[in-house]
């Protein structure tokens, strides 16, 4: 099979298994945002090209970048909300009290 012919069929192959370009890139961008937080534009672009090397996918770059930014913002907001609600009212001492201790065997050395 000719490699070029396979590349030309790439979007068709995806649609045959039920994927749209939007669904595919949005899901990948959201997963990337969960794993790699705070990427700048150039890094997002480089990762897009590495994840989607097929030229048929290249028109989805701006959609992917927008989905990454949206997902990053949502995750950041969720994290800040969790931190705000889970934070104890009074500062917790960094020193912990011993609740129980196992007896230690001691041996005399002469």
C-alpha atoms as a PDB file:
ATOM      1  CA  UNK A   1       0.000   0.000   0.000  1.00  0.00           C
ATOM      2  CA  UNK A   2       1.302   3.430  -0.928  1.00  0.00           C
ATOM      3  CA  UNK A   3       2.040   5.624   2.107  1.00  0.00           C
ATOM      4  CA  UNK A   4       0.651   8.727   0.375  1.00  0.00           C
ATOM      5  CA  UNK A   5      -2.617   6.922  -0.390  1.00  0.00           C
ATOM      6  CA  UNK A   6      -2.883   5.952   3.288  1.00  0.00           C
ATOM      7  CA  UNK A   7      -2.326   9.588   4.352  1.00  0.00           C
ATOM      8  CA  UNK A   8      -5.091  10.746   2.038  1.00  0.00           C
ATOM      9  CA  UNK A   9      -7.512   8.354   3.748  1.00  0.00           C
ATOM     10  CA  UNK A  10      -6.626   9.426   7.272  1.00  0.00           C
ATOM     11  CA  UNK A  11      -9.721  11.534   8.105  1.00  0.00           C
ATOM     12  CA  UNK A  12     -11.948   8.892   6.499  1.00  0.00           C
ATOM     13  CA  UNK A  13     -10.404   6.169   8.667  1.00  0.00           C
ATOM     14  CA  UNK A  14     -11.146   8.224  11.783  1.00  0.00           C
ATOM     15  CA  UNK A  15     -14.752   8.840  10.783  1.00  0.00           C
ATOM     16  CA  UNK A  16     -15.222   5.121  10.125  1.00  0.00           C
ATOM     17  CA  UNK A  17     -14.504   4.418  13.789  1.00  0.00           C
ATOM     18  CA  UNK A  18     -16.765   7.259  14.928  1.00  0.00           C
ATOM     19  CA  UNK A  19     -14.246  10.038  15.558  1.00  0.00           C
ATOM     20  CA  UNK A  20     -14.644  13.575  14.345  1.00  0.00           C
ATOM     21  CA  UNK A  21     -11.633  15.859  14.205  1.00  0.00           C
ATOM     22  CA  UNK A  22     -13.209  18.085  16.873  1.00  0.00           C
ATOM     23  CA  UNK A  23     -13.894  15.190  19.249  1.00  0.00           C
ATOM     24  CA  UNK A  24     -10.420  13.742  18.793  1.00  0.00           C
ATOM     25  CA  UNK A  25      -8.472  16.964  19.242  1.00  0.00           C
ATOM     26  CA  UNK A  26     -10.659  18.235  22.113  1.00  0.00           C
ATOM     27  CA  UNK A  27     -10.221  15.019  24.084  1.00  0.00           C
ATOM     28  CA  UNK A  28      -6.473  14.995  23.497  1.00  0.00           C
ATOM     29  CA  UNK A  29      -6.143  18.671  24.438  1.00  0.00           C
ATOM     30  CA  UNK A  30      -8.056  18.113  27.687  1.00  0.00           C
ATOM     31  CA  UNK A  31      -5.893  15.121  28.569  1.00  0.00           C
ATOM     32  CA  UNK A  32      -2.768  17.129  27.778  1.00  0.00           C
ATOM     33  CA  UNK A  33      -3.969  19.969  30.027  1.00  0.00           C
ATOM     34  CA  UNK A  34      -4.480  17.507  32.875  1.00  0.00           C
ATOM     35  CA  UNK A  35      -0.984  16.058  32.497  1.00  0.00           C
ATOM     36  CA  UNK A  36       1.074  19.050  31.305  1.00  0.00           C
ATOM     37  CA  UNK A  37      -0.043  22.193  33.042  1.00  0.00           C
ATOM     38  CA  UNK A  38       0.940  25.709  32.010  1.00  0.00           C
ATOM     39  CA  UNK A  39       2.267  25.115  28.505  1.00  0.00           C
ATOM     40  CA  UNK A  40       2.826  28.216  26.366  1.00  0.00           C
ATOM     41  CA  UNK A  41       1.667  28.556  22.760  1.00  0.00           C
ATOM     42  CA  UNK A  42       4.835  27.295  21.122  1.00  0.00           C
ATOM     43  CA  UNK A  43       4.968  24.192  23.334  1.00  0.00           C
ATOM     44  CA  UNK A  44       1.309  23.431  22.581  1.00  0.00           C
ATOM     45  CA  UNK A  45       2.070  23.772  18.872  1.00  0.00           C
ATOM     46  CA  UNK A  46       5.063  21.448  19.098  1.00  0.00           C
ATOM     47  CA  UNK A  47       3.075  18.843  20.982  1.00  0.00           C
ATOM     48  CA  UNK A  48       0.204  19.070  18.502  1.00  0.00           C
ATOM     49  CA  UNK A  49       2.591  18.347  15.626  1.00  0.00           C
ATOM     50  CA  UNK A  50       4.108  15.420  17.530  1.00  0.00           C
ATOM     51  CA  UNK A  51       0.719  13.962  18.457  1.00  0.00           C
ATOM     52  CA  UNK A  52      -0.838  14.584  15.031  1.00  0.00           C
ATOM     53  CA  UNK A  53       1.950  14.206  12.450  1.00  0.00           C
ATOM     54  CA  UNK A  54      -0.494  13.628   9.596  1.00  0.00           C
ATOM     55  CA  UNK A  55      -0.992  16.715   7.430  1.00  0.00           C
ATOM     56  CA  UNK A  56      -4.733  15.990   7.283  1.00  0.00           C
ATOM     57  CA  UNK A  57      -4.903  16.880  10.983  1.00  0.00           C
ATOM     58  CA  UNK A  58      -3.047  20.196  10.711  1.00  0.00           C
ATOM     59  CA  UNK A  59      -6.174  22.363  10.201  1.00  0.00           C
ATOM     60  CA  UNK A  60      -7.217  21.399  13.739  1.00  0.00           C
ATOM     61  CA  UNK A  61      -4.225  23.099  15.381  1.00  0.00           C
ATOM     62  CA  UNK A  62      -6.034  26.282  16.432  1.00  0.00           C
ATOM     63  CA  UNK A  63      -8.999  24.269  17.758  1.00  0.00           C
ATOM     64  CA  UNK A  64      -6.596  22.058  19.738  1.00  0.00           C
ATOM     65  CA  UNK A  65      -4.827  25.100  21.212  1.00  0.00           C
ATOM     66  CA  UNK A  66      -8.131  26.722  22.195  1.00  0.00           C
ATOM     67  CA  UNK A  67      -9.344  23.511  23.844  1.00  0.00           C
ATOM     68  CA  UNK A  68      -6.048  23.218  25.728  1.00  0.00           C
ATOM     69  CA  UNK A  69      -6.396  26.791  27.037  1.00  0.00           C
ATOM     70  CA  UNK A  70     -10.027  26.217  28.054  1.00  0.00           C
ATOM     71  CA  UNK A  71      -9.217  22.953  29.805  1.00  0.00           C
ATOM     72  CA  UNK A  72      -6.236  24.529  31.588  1.00  0.00           C
ATOM     73  CA  UNK A  73      -8.442  27.351  32.855  1.00  0.00           C
ATOM     74  CA  UNK A  74     -11.131  24.927  34.028  1.00  0.00           C
ATOM     75  CA  UNK A  75      -8.598  22.727  35.812  1.00  0.00           C
ATOM     76  CA  UNK A  76      -6.976  25.740  37.468  1.00  0.00           C
ATOM     77  CA  UNK A  77     -10.389  26.970  38.670  1.00  0.00           C
ATOM     78  CA  UNK A  78     -11.285  23.517  40.018  1.00  0.00           C
ATOM     79  CA  UNK A  79      -7.971  23.251  41.824  1.00  0.00           C
ATOM     80  CA  UNK A  80      -8.337  26.686  43.405  1.00  0.00           C
ATOM     81  CA  UNK A  81     -11.860  25.802  44.550  1.00  0.00           C
ATOM     82  CA  UNK A  82     -10.658  22.542  46.077  1.00  0.00           C
ATOM     83  CA  UNK A  83      -7.810  24.282  47.846  1.00  0.00           C
ATOM     84  CA  UNK A  84     -10.128  26.948  49.215  1.00  0.00           C
ATOM     85  CA  UNK A  85     -12.623  24.431  50.601  1.00  0.00           C
ATOM     86  CA  UNK A  86     -10.082  21.902  51.931  1.00  0.00           C
ATOM     87  CA  UNK A  87      -7.888  24.436  53.703  1.00  0.00           C
ATOM     88  CA  UNK A  88      -8.111  24.080  57.510  1.00  0.00           C
ATOM     89  CA  UNK A  89      -9.361  27.091  59.468  1.00  0.00           C
ATOM     90  CA  UNK A  90      -6.403  27.189  61.865  1.00  0.00           C
ATOM     91  CA  UNK A  91      -2.794  26.583  60.887  1.00  0.00           C
ATOM     92  CA  UNK A  92      -1.702  23.047  61.599  1.00  0.00           C
ATOM     93  CA  UNK A  93       1.512  22.544  63.523  1.00  0.00           C
ATOM     94  CA  UNK A  94       4.260  20.923  61.503  1.00  0.00           C
ATOM     95  CA  UNK A  95       5.158  18.794  64.532  1.00  0.00           C
ATOM     96  CA  UNK A  96       3.144  15.636  65.100  1.00  0.00           C
ATOM     97  CA  UNK A  97       2.381  14.084  68.435  1.00  0.00           C
ATOM     98  CA  UNK A  98       3.365  10.441  68.931  1.00  0.00           C
ATOM     99  CA  UNK A  99       0.182   8.391  69.225  1.00  0.00           C
ATOM    100  CA  UNK A 100       1.856   5.099  70.120  1.00  0.00           C
ATOM    101  CA  UNK A 101       5.369   3.767  70.176  1.00  0.00           C
ATOM    102  CA  UNK A 102       6.658   0.246  69.879  1.00  0.00           C
ATOM    103  CA  UNK A 103       9.141  -0.788  72.525  1.00  0.00           C
ATOM    104  CA  UNK A 104      12.672  -1.010  71.229  1.00  0.00           C
ATOM    105  CA  UNK A 105      14.981  -3.808  72.114  1.00  0.00           C
ATOM    106  CA  UNK A 106      18.147  -2.562  73.712  1.00  0.00           C
ATOM    107  CA  UNK A 107      21.347  -4.460  74.138  1.00  0.00           C
ATOM    108  CA  UNK A 108      24.310  -3.541  76.258  1.00  0.00           C
ATOM    109  CA  UNK A 109      27.623  -3.541  74.461  1.00  0.00           C
ATOM    110  CA  UNK A 110      30.762  -4.045  76.488  1.00  0.00           C
END
